[in-house]
Amino acid sequence: MSEFDPRLGRGEENLSSGQQRIILIRGLPGSGKSTIAQELASLLGNVSLLDPDRIDYNGPEYSDFVLSLRRRLPSLDFRYFPYRFLLHKARLALARGEDIIWCQPFSNQQGLFDTIETLGIYASGMNLRPDVTIIDIGVNPDTALSRVRARRSNGGHGPDEESFRNFVGRFCLLSENSLPPGCRYLYINGEGDIGENVCFVYGTIVGGKGK
């Protein structure tokens, strides 16, 4: 049960409706994506949580996938391996009937839209029509950088400051007019109360609002 609001259930509506959910959470490093994603996953239940920061790059699952990928696509740039791995995990999650929460900056908007299209192709091949939500997390870059510095100082993950500045230069919030057809769009303030943000997102998605 989420520590933020114990009154909320664990995805009973998901089990009764039968419609899977794909939730893509984007924002700058330090915006609070991972926290929102983890709490939302706890509330929804039966979720595959995808995040490049959660990949075990030394584990056998990733190593075996990369070996297979190199054989099939020997010219593919290694920088795309983690993304391809997450696509693979998403396809498996759809086949298992799980919801998907994909947490990543997605600073390249076309890359985000291509991801949604690819997941749609996977779903269509399984006769699925998942509910798709894009969540933008807005945050002051100075606040985000301060969080990244604190996390790195405690041994956590995060980009160096040059990479962070590059993220800031590339990232911009979405416009509802630019969304792929059928996608729900939510904006939350990454400097707001985490519990309120999580409950807002949960209530909107489970209630089927905003589409």
Protein backbone atom coordinates (compact mmCIF):
# COMPACT_ATOMS: atom_id res chain seq x y z
CA MET A 1 0.00 0.00 0.00
CA SER A 2 1.30 3.46 -0.83
CA GLU A 3 2.55 5.38 2.17
CA PHE A 4 0.90 8.50 0.76
CA ASP A 5 -2.77 7.52 0.88
CA PRO A 6 -3.67 4.18 2.46
CA ARG A 7 -7.33 4.72 1.53
CA LEU A 8 -6.59 3.95 -2.12
CA GLY A 9 -6.83 0.36 -3.30
CA ARG A 10 -4.43 -1.67 -5.38
CA GLY A 11 -5.89 -1.59 -8.83
CA GLU A 12 -9.21 -3.36 -8.31
CA GLU A 13 -10.65 -1.25 -11.13
CA ASN A 14 -7.91 -2.50 -13.44
CA LEU A 15 -8.84 -6.09 -12.74
CA SER A 16 -12.52 -5.47 -13.37
CA SER A 17 -12.16 -3.37 -16.51
CA GLY A 18 -9.67 -5.68 -18.21
CA GLN A 19 -8.07 -2.81 -20.13
CA GLN A 20 -4.34 -2.55 -19.72
CA ARG A 21 -2.66 0.79 -19.17
CA ILE A 22 0.49 2.27 -20.62
CA ILE A 23 1.74 5.25 -18.62
CA LEU A 24 4.77 7.20 -19.81
CA ILE A 25 6.29 9.58 -17.27
CA ARG A 26 8.71 12.20 -18.58
CA GLY A 27 10.64 15.07 -17.05
CA LEU A 28 14.12 16.35 -16.30
CA PRO A 29 16.48 14.30 -14.15
CA GLY A 30 15.60 15.27 -10.59
CA SER A 31 11.99 16.10 -11.42
CA GLY A 32 10.65 13.24 -9.30
CA LYS A 33 9.76 10.78 -12.05
CA SER A 34 10.96 7.69 -10.21
CA THR A 35 9.14 8.54 -6.99
CA ILE A 36 5.86 9.17 -8.79
CA ALA A 37 6.31 6.00 -10.86
CA GLN A 38 7.04 3.79 -7.86
CA GLU A 39 4.12 5.08 -5.81
CA LEU A 40 1.74 4.82 -8.75
CA ALA A 41 2.89 1.26 -9.43
CA SER A 42 2.24 0.39 -5.79
CA LEU A 43 -1.32 1.70 -6.03
CA LEU A 44 -2.20 0.14 -9.37
CA GLY A 45 -0.68 -3.29 -8.79
CA ASN A 46 0.18 -5.80 -11.55
CA VAL A 47 2.57 -3.29 -13.11
CA SER A 48 5.81 -3.62 -15.03
CA LEU A 49 7.88 -0.58 -14.04
CA LEU A 50 10.37 0.30 -16.77
CA ASP A 51 13.20 2.73 -16.12
CA PRO A 52 16.73 2.81 -17.58
CA ASP A 53 18.01 3.53 -14.07
CA ARG A 54 16.50 0.26 -12.83
CA ILE A 55 18.19 -1.97 -15.42
CA ASP A 56 20.69 -4.45 -14.02
CA TYR A 57 23.33 -3.90 -16.70
CA ASN A 58 25.50 -6.68 -15.28
CA GLY A 59 22.68 -9.20 -14.93
CA PRO A 60 22.15 -12.21 -17.20
CA GLU A 61 18.81 -10.99 -18.60
CA TYR A 62 20.30 -7.80 -20.01
CA SER A 63 23.52 -9.49 -21.10
CA ASP A 64 21.64 -12.21 -22.99
CA PHE A 65 19.40 -9.63 -24.64
CA VAL A 66 22.36 -7.53 -25.79
CA LEU A 67 24.10 -10.61 -27.18
CA SER A 68 20.98 -11.49 -29.19
CA LEU A 69 20.55 -7.87 -30.30
CA ARG A 70 24.14 -7.66 -31.54
CA ARG A 71 23.61 -10.77 -33.63
CA ARG A 72 20.43 -9.42 -35.21
CA LEU A 73 21.52 -5.78 -35.57
CA PRO A 74 25.34 -5.68 -35.58
CA SER A 75 25.46 -2.03 -36.69
CA LEU A 76 23.11 -0.72 -33.96
CA ASP A 77 24.73 1.93 -31.75
CA PHE A 78 25.27 0.54 -28.23
CA ARG A 79 23.65 3.67 -26.76
CA TYR A 80 20.29 2.32 -27.94
CA PHE A 81 20.67 -1.04 -26.22
CA PRO A 82 18.90 0.00 -22.96
CA TYR A 83 15.98 1.49 -24.89
CA ARG A 84 15.62 -1.67 -26.99
CA PHE A 85 15.74 -3.73 -23.81
CA LEU A 86 12.91 -1.70 -22.28
CA LEU A 87 10.85 -2.12 -25.46
CA HIS A 88 11.42 -5.86 -25.13
CA LYS A 89 10.31 -5.77 -21.48
CA ALA A 90 7.23 -3.75 -22.45
CA ARG A 91 6.22 -6.34 -25.03
CA LEU A 92 6.54 -9.11 -22.46
CA ALA A 93 4.47 -7.10 -19.99
CA LEU A 94 1.67 -6.63 -22.52
CA ALA A 95 1.67 -10.36 -23.20
CA ARG A 96 1.40 -11.07 -19.46
CA GLY A 97 -1.56 -8.71 -19.07
CA GLU A 98 0.36 -6.21 -16.96
CA ASP A 99 0.09 -2.45 -16.93
CA ILE A 100 3.22 -0.58 -17.99
CA ILE A 101 4.75 2.46 -16.33
CA TRP A 102 7.69 3.72 -18.37
CA CYS A 103 9.77 6.33 -16.58
CA GLN A 104 12.35 8.19 -18.69
CA PRO A 105 13.17 11.82 -19.62
CA PHE A 106 11.99 11.33 -23.23
CA SER A 107 13.59 14.68 -24.11
CA ASN A 108 13.19 13.81 -27.80
CA GLN A 109 9.46 14.20 -28.37
CA GLN A 110 9.49 12.31 -31.65
CA GLY A 111 11.22 9.46 -29.86
CA LEU A 112 8.38 9.45 -27.34
CA PHE A 113 5.77 9.35 -30.09
CA ASP A 114 7.67 6.58 -31.89
CA THR A 115 7.70 4.59 -28.65
CA ILE A 116 3.93 4.96 -28.31
CA GLU A 117 3.48 3.88 -31.92
CA THR A 118 5.69 0.81 -31.42
CA LEU A 119 3.85 -0.19 -28.26
CA GLY A 120 0.59 0.25 -30.16
CA ILE A 121 1.83 -2.13 -32.85
CA TYR A 122 2.78 -4.68 -30.19
CA ALA A 123 -0.63 -4.32 -28.54
CA SER A 124 -2.53 -4.56 -31.82
CA GLY A 125 -0.75 -7.81 -32.62
CA MET A 126 -2.13 -9.18 -29.33
CA ASN A 127 -5.63 -7.81 -29.98
CA LEU A 128 -5.18 -5.29 -27.15
CA ARG A 129 -6.25 -1.65 -26.97
CA PRO A 130 -4.44 -0.25 -23.94
CA ASP A 131 -5.28 3.06 -22.32
CA VAL A 132 -2.30 5.39 -22.92
CA THR A 133 -1.35 8.29 -20.64
CA ILE A 134 1.57 10.70 -20.95
CA ILE A 135 2.57 12.52 -17.77
CA ASP A 136 4.74 15.62 -17.93
CA ILE A 137 6.48 16.62 -14.71
CA GLY A 138 7.44 20.28 -14.64
CA VAL A 139 10.19 21.49 -12.33
CA ASN A 140 12.55 24.44 -12.03
CA PRO A 141 15.91 23.28 -13.48
CA ASP A 142 17.75 24.66 -10.44
CA THR A 143 15.59 22.57 -8.13
CA ALA A 144 16.10 19.49 -10.29
CA LEU A 145 19.88 19.99 -10.40
CA SER A 146 19.99 20.40 -6.62
CA ARG A 147 18.19 17.07 -6.23
CA VAL A 148 20.55 15.36 -8.67
CA ARG A 149 23.58 16.70 -6.80
CA ALA A 150 22.19 15.47 -3.48
CA ARG A 151 21.43 12.05 -4.94
CA ARG A 152 24.88 11.69 -6.49
CA SER A 153 26.58 12.80 -3.27
CA ASN A 154 24.83 9.92 -1.51
CA GLY A 155 26.01 7.40 -4.09
CA GLY A 156 22.86 7.47 -6.22
CA HIS A 157 22.42 7.78 -9.97
CA GLY A 158 22.16 10.93 -12.04
CA PRO A 159 23.83 12.78 -14.90
CA ASP A 160 26.87 14.98 -14.48
CA GLU A 161 26.24 18.72 -14.71
CA GLU A 162 27.18 19.02 -18.38
CA SER A 163 24.80 16.21 -19.29
CA PHE A 164 22.11 17.80 -17.14
CA ARG A 165 22.49 21.12 -18.98
CA ASN A 166 22.10 19.22 -22.25
CA PHE A 167 18.87 17.71 -20.94
CA VAL A 168 17.59 21.18 -20.05
CA GLY A 169 18.44 22.45 -23.52
CA ARG A 170 16.55 19.63 -25.23
CA PHE A 171 13.58 19.15 -22.95
CA CYS A 172 10.28 20.96 -23.31
CA LEU A 173 6.79 20.21 -22.09
CA LEU A 174 4.29 18.76 -24.51
CA SER A 175 1.33 20.52 -26.03
CA GLU A 176 -2.01 18.71 -25.90
CA ASN A 177 -2.46 19.63 -29.56
CA SER A 178 0.65 17.67 -30.52
CA LEU A 179 -0.26 14.37 -28.86
CA PRO A 180 -0.81 11.13 -30.76
CA PRO A 181 -4.53 10.36 -31.18
CA GLY A 182 -6.19 8.73 -28.20
CA CYS A 183 -3.54 9.64 -25.62
CA ARG A 184 -4.42 11.20 -22.30
CA TYR A 185 -2.14 14.04 -21.18
CA LEU A 186 -1.49 15.04 -17.57
CA TYR A 187 0.77 17.74 -16.18
CA ILE A 188 1.97 17.77 -12.59
CA ASN A 189 4.23 20.14 -10.70
CA GLY A 190 7.36 18.30 -9.64
CA GLU A 191 7.82 20.75 -6.77
CA GLY A 192 4.33 20.10 -5.42
CA ASP A 193 3.24 17.63 -2.76
CA ILE A 194 4.13 14.10 -3.86
CA GLY A 195 1.11 12.48 -2.26
CA GLU A 196 -1.29 14.92 -3.89
CA ASN A 197 0.37 14.40 -7.27
CA VAL A 198 0.16 10.63 -7.00
CA CYS A 199 -3.49 10.70 -5.92
CA PHE A 200 -4.37 13.10 -8.75
CA VAL A 201 -2.75 10.86 -11.35
CA TYR A 202 -4.23 7.68 -9.89
CA GLY A 203 -7.73 9.13 -9.68
CA THR A 204 -7.61 10.49 -13.22
CA ILE A 205 -6.30 7.29 -14.78
CA VAL A 206 -8.48 4.86 -12.87
CA GLY A 207 -11.51 7.09 -13.39
CA GLY A 208 -10.89 7.20 -17.14
CA LYS A 209 -10.89 11.00 -17.20
CA GLY A 210 -9.13 13.40 -19.52
CA LYS A 211 -9.48 11.69 -22.90
